[in-house]
Amino acid sequence: MSTPLPLSARLAWWGTAWMRGAVVADLAVDAIIGDDATHRVVGLTGDGEPEGLATALGRLRTEGVEHLGLAWPTEGDPAGLGGPAELNAAAFEAGEAVIGGAHGWVPRREGAVVFWQAYAARPRQLTDVGEADRRLRLAMVRTADQLAALDVARWRPDVADELTDLRAFGRLVAPPGTPARCVELAARALQAAGIVDLALDDDGAAITHAEAEGRRTALRDLGTAARHALVAACSPEVWPPG
């Protein structure tokens, strides 16, 4: 199992590809919207009226924005955010955001329509792809060992199955120009996040409070590593050269 690719990750990959001339606008917009009815951007114009995704991305490119990157924060971990407080609060509530230059967009779903609310954004500090990759690999191994010691197969055989085949991550469709290493890293990050969600789905599966606490402790580092790995994989400013 794996966690779905966040909306903001899709926008970061395909919006960047369009800004760099690797795909045409229609292809990028279709890939970003996916199965949704449409996406609209709010807050870029003085009148506050929503505008189409292609038009809004064009505004950013006109301002000199060259790429978009992902923020994937959770409580206690502002992964991919640099502020200000208004953007951070909205991104924490949504669980994600996309950052491009001095702009941050946070998605809000209303039925089959996604509205991206625009905010000002400050520079952010990110883990580079190589370091994020190393941390995720280490966290996966440590978590597998720790959950094995807790006899995970006894109380969650589905989690044990995921942990015993860490190479069986799903394949993601990424636009031209996305480094293959980043596509693979994103897939492994989503797999790791899925393992965390699956293992924490039912605390009652642990026989004792001590086992439940041991499980949460074992998974905390894996969840953090997964978030920062996906942010790096979907943030061109830290992609490897070439």
Protein backbone atom coordinates (compact mmCIF):
# COMPACT_ATOMS: atom_id res chain seq x y z
CA MET A 1 0.00 0.00 0.00
CA SER A 2 1.09 3.62 -0.35
CA THR A 3 -0.16 7.10 0.40
CA PRO A 4 -1.57 8.93 -2.66
CA LEU A 5 0.64 11.61 -4.20
CA PRO A 6 -0.48 14.92 -2.63
CA LEU A 7 -2.13 17.49 -4.86
CA SER A 8 0.72 19.90 -4.17
CA ALA A 9 3.30 17.33 -5.28
CA ARG A 10 1.48 16.91 -8.59
CA LEU A 11 1.36 20.66 -9.04
CA ALA A 12 5.04 21.01 -8.13
CA TRP A 13 6.18 18.39 -10.66
CA TRP A 14 3.96 19.33 -13.58
CA GLY A 15 4.00 23.07 -12.94
CA THR A 16 7.79 22.99 -12.92
CA ALA A 17 7.85 20.96 -16.14
CA TRP A 18 5.69 23.58 -17.85
CA MET A 19 7.72 26.51 -16.50
CA ARG A 20 10.87 24.85 -17.87
CA GLY A 21 9.30 24.19 -21.26
CA ALA A 22 9.31 20.40 -20.92
CA VAL A 23 5.55 20.05 -21.46
CA VAL A 24 2.82 22.14 -23.04
CA ALA A 25 0.34 23.95 -20.81
CA ASP A 26 -2.67 21.75 -21.65
CA LEU A 27 -0.79 18.55 -20.77
CA ALA A 28 0.46 20.02 -17.49
CA VAL A 29 -2.96 21.30 -16.46
CA ASP A 30 -4.64 17.99 -17.31
CA ALA A 31 -2.06 16.07 -15.25
CA ILE A 32 -2.47 18.41 -12.27
CA ILE A 33 -6.28 18.37 -12.32
CA GLY A 34 -6.49 14.60 -12.78
CA ASP A 35 -10.00 13.37 -11.94
CA ASP A 36 -11.11 16.69 -10.44
CA ALA A 37 -13.60 18.92 -12.26
CA THR A 38 -11.25 21.89 -12.28
CA HIS A 39 -8.69 23.81 -10.23
CA ARG A 40 -8.94 27.54 -9.52
CA VAL A 41 -6.46 29.91 -7.88
CA VAL A 42 -7.64 32.59 -5.44
CA GLY A 43 -5.72 35.61 -4.17
CA LEU A 44 -3.38 36.50 -7.02
CA THR A 45 -5.56 39.27 -8.45
CA GLY A 46 -6.59 42.50 -6.79
CA ASP A 47 -10.30 41.78 -7.16
CA GLY A 48 -9.99 38.40 -5.41
CA GLU A 49 -11.71 36.54 -8.24
CA PRO A 50 -10.62 32.94 -8.85
CA GLU A 51 -8.70 32.34 -12.06
CA GLY A 52 -7.72 29.30 -14.07
CA LEU A 53 -4.66 27.25 -13.26
CA ALA A 54 -2.87 27.99 -16.55
CA THR A 55 -3.42 31.73 -16.15
CA ALA A 56 -2.19 31.69 -12.54
CA LEU A 57 0.92 29.67 -13.42
CA GLY A 58 1.58 32.14 -16.22
CA ARG A 59 1.50 34.98 -13.69
CA LEU A 60 4.15 33.26 -11.61
CA ARG A 61 6.38 32.63 -14.61
CA THR A 62 6.03 36.26 -15.68
CA GLU A 63 7.27 37.24 -12.21
CA GLY A 64 10.36 35.11 -12.71
CA VAL A 65 9.32 31.96 -10.82
CA GLU A 66 11.25 29.08 -12.40
CA HIS A 67 9.94 26.11 -10.46
CA LEU A 68 7.45 24.97 -7.82
CA GLY A 69 8.22 22.87 -4.75
CA LEU A 70 6.28 20.84 -2.21
CA ALA A 71 5.63 21.45 1.48
CA TRP A 72 4.19 18.46 3.37
CA PRO A 73 3.95 19.51 7.02
CA THR A 74 2.39 17.84 10.00
CA GLU A 75 2.09 18.77 13.67
CA GLY A 76 5.56 19.49 15.02
CA ASP A 77 7.27 19.27 11.63
CA PRO A 78 6.96 22.17 9.15
CA ALA A 79 8.47 20.08 6.34
CA GLY A 80 9.06 22.37 3.36
CA LEU A 81 7.73 25.58 4.95
CA GLY A 82 9.61 28.80 5.66
CA GLY A 83 6.77 31.07 6.74
CA PRO A 84 5.22 33.49 7.27
CA ALA A 85 2.77 32.43 9.96
CA GLU A 86 -0.33 32.87 7.79
CA LEU A 87 0.97 30.49 5.14
CA ASN A 88 2.21 28.00 7.72
CA ALA A 89 -1.14 27.91 9.53
CA ALA A 90 -3.06 27.27 6.31
CA ALA A 91 -0.55 24.64 5.15
CA PHE A 92 -0.66 22.82 8.49
CA GLU A 93 -4.44 22.72 8.33
CA ALA A 94 -4.43 21.40 4.75
CA GLY A 95 -1.43 19.14 5.32
CA GLU A 96 0.32 20.42 2.21
CA ALA A 97 1.23 23.44 0.09
CA VAL A 98 3.19 24.33 -3.02
CA ILE A 99 5.90 26.99 -2.90
CA GLY A 100 7.14 29.01 -5.87
CA GLY A 101 9.46 31.94 -5.24
CA ALA A 102 7.67 34.39 -2.97
CA HIS A 103 4.34 32.60 -3.41
CA GLY A 104 2.70 29.77 -1.51
CA TRP A 105 -0.50 28.07 -2.63
CA VAL A 106 -2.60 25.92 -0.29
CA PRO A 107 -5.33 23.63 -1.68
CA ARG A 108 -8.90 23.46 -0.45
CA ARG A 109 -11.29 20.94 -1.94
CA GLU A 110 -14.97 21.79 -2.44
CA GLY A 111 -16.68 18.81 -4.01
CA ALA A 112 -14.95 18.07 -7.31
CA VAL A 113 -13.29 21.51 -7.46
CA VAL A 114 -9.94 22.41 -5.88
CA PHE A 115 -9.28 26.02 -4.91
CA TRP A 116 -5.67 27.07 -4.37
CA GLN A 117 -5.43 29.99 -1.93
CA ALA A 118 -2.40 32.17 -2.61
CA TYR A 119 -0.21 33.49 0.23
CA ALA A 120 3.13 35.25 0.51
CA ALA A 121 6.01 32.84 1.13
CA ARG A 122 9.46 33.25 2.62
CA PRO A 123 12.65 31.32 1.73
CA ARG A 124 12.78 27.82 3.16
CA GLN A 125 15.48 25.38 4.18
CA LEU A 126 15.32 21.92 2.64
CA THR A 127 17.18 18.64 2.95
CA ASP A 128 18.87 17.79 -0.35
CA VAL A 129 17.84 14.70 -2.27
CA GLY A 130 20.91 12.64 -1.36
CA GLU A 131 20.61 13.25 2.36
CA ALA A 132 16.82 12.75 2.32
CA ASP A 133 17.34 9.45 0.50
CA ARG A 134 19.90 8.24 3.06
CA ARG A 135 17.70 9.21 6.00
CA LEU A 136 14.69 7.42 4.54
CA ARG A 137 16.63 4.21 3.85
CA LEU A 138 18.03 4.23 7.38
CA ALA A 139 14.62 4.93 8.92
CA MET A 140 13.02 2.09 6.95
CA VAL A 141 15.61 -0.41 8.17
CA ARG A 142 15.42 0.79 11.78
CA THR A 143 11.63 0.74 11.79
CA ALA A 144 11.51 -2.76 10.33
CA ASP A 145 13.91 -3.98 13.03
CA GLN A 146 12.04 -2.23 15.84
CA LEU A 147 8.62 -3.48 14.74
CA ALA A 148 10.00 -6.98 14.30
CA ALA A 149 11.15 -6.84 17.93
CA LEU A 150 7.59 -5.88 18.86
CA ASP A 151 6.34 -8.94 16.94
CA VAL A 152 4.41 -6.85 14.42
CA ALA A 153 3.39 -9.98 12.49
CA ARG A 154 1.29 -11.06 15.46
CA TRP A 155 -0.87 -7.96 15.69
CA ARG A 156 -0.69 -6.49 12.18
CA PRO A 157 0.30 -9.07 9.54
CA ASP A 158 -0.51 -6.57 6.77
CA VAL A 159 2.13 -4.18 8.15
CA ALA A 160 4.60 -7.04 8.41
CA ASP A 161 4.02 -7.88 4.75
CA GLU A 162 4.76 -4.29 3.73
CA LEU A 163 7.94 -4.21 5.80
CA THR A 164 9.26 -7.50 4.45
CA ASP A 165 9.21 -6.26 0.85
CA LEU A 166 10.49 -2.69 0.92
CA ARG A 167 11.45 -2.85 -2.74
CA ALA A 168 7.87 -3.31 -3.92
CA PHE A 169 6.98 0.37 -4.00
CA GLY A 170 4.61 1.68 -6.65
CA ARG A 171 5.66 3.51 -9.79
CA LEU A 172 4.71 7.13 -10.26
CA VAL A 173 4.03 9.00 -13.48
CA ALA A 174 6.24 12.09 -13.55
CA PRO A 175 6.68 14.71 -16.28
CA PRO A 176 9.74 14.92 -18.52
CA GLY A 177 12.71 16.53 -16.81
CA THR A 178 11.99 15.05 -13.39
CA PRO A 179 15.14 13.18 -12.29
CA ALA A 180 14.59 9.41 -12.16
CA ARG A 181 16.16 9.36 -8.69
CA CYS A 182 13.52 11.80 -7.47
CA VAL A 183 10.67 9.78 -8.95
CA GLU A 184 11.93 6.65 -7.20
CA LEU A 185 12.49 8.54 -3.94
CA ALA A 186 8.96 9.94 -4.06
CA ALA A 187 7.53 6.44 -4.53
CA ARG A 188 9.50 5.08 -1.57
CA ALA A 189 8.50 8.07 0.57
CA LEU A 190 4.83 7.44 -0.19
CA GLN A 191 5.27 3.75 0.60
CA ALA A 192 6.86 4.63 3.94
CA ALA A 193 4.07 7.10 4.74
CA GLY A 194 1.55 4.40 3.89
CA ILE A 195 3.23 1.97 6.28
CA VAL A 196 3.06 4.59 9.04
CA ASP A 197 -0.63 5.24 8.41
CA LEU A 198 -1.40 1.52 8.27
CA ALA A 199 0.51 0.68 11.44
CA LEU A 200 -1.07 3.53 13.42
CA ASP A 201 -4.57 2.83 12.14
CA ASP A 202 -5.63 0.81 15.18
CA ASP A 203 -3.85 1.25 18.50
CA GLY A 204 -6.06 -1.46 19.92
CA ALA A 205 -4.11 -4.02 17.90
CA ALA A 206 -1.21 -3.68 20.34
CA ILE A 207 -1.75 -5.89 23.37
CA THR A 208 -0.47 -3.43 25.97
CA HIS A 209 0.00 0.29 26.36
CA ALA A 210 3.75 -0.25 26.31
CA GLU A 211 3.50 -2.00 22.94
CA ALA A 212 1.33 0.79 21.54
CA GLU A 213 3.83 3.40 22.70
CA GLY A 214 6.69 1.35 21.29
CA ARG A 215 4.96 1.25 17.94
CA ARG A 216 4.42 5.02 17.87
CA THR A 217 8.04 5.64 18.80
CA ALA A 218 9.28 3.28 16.08
CA LEU A 219 7.12 4.94 13.45
CA ARG A 220 7.73 8.58 14.36
CA ASP A 221 11.14 8.79 12.74
CA LEU A 222 9.95 6.94 9.65
CA GLY A 223 7.09 9.39 9.18
CA THR A 224 9.44 12.36 9.46
CA ALA A 225 11.93 10.83 7.03
CA ALA A 226 9.14 10.09 4.57
CA ARG A 227 7.80 13.65 4.65
CA HIS A 228 11.21 15.22 4.08
CA ALA A 229 12.06 12.71 1.35
CA LEU A 230 8.90 13.55 -0.60
CA VAL A 231 9.52 17.28 -0.13
CA ALA A 232 13.04 16.89 -1.54
CA ALA A 233 11.85 14.70 -4.42
CA CYS A 234 9.25 17.34 -5.36
CA SER A 235 11.35 20.49 -4.81
CA PRO A 236 13.61 21.31 -7.79
CA GLU A 237 15.81 23.67 -5.78
CA VAL A 238 17.44 20.63 -4.14
CA TRP A 239 17.41 18.25 -7.12
CA PRO A 240 20.75 16.80 -8.18
CA PRO A 241 22.43 18.66 -11.09
CA GLY A 242 21.93 17.38 -14.59
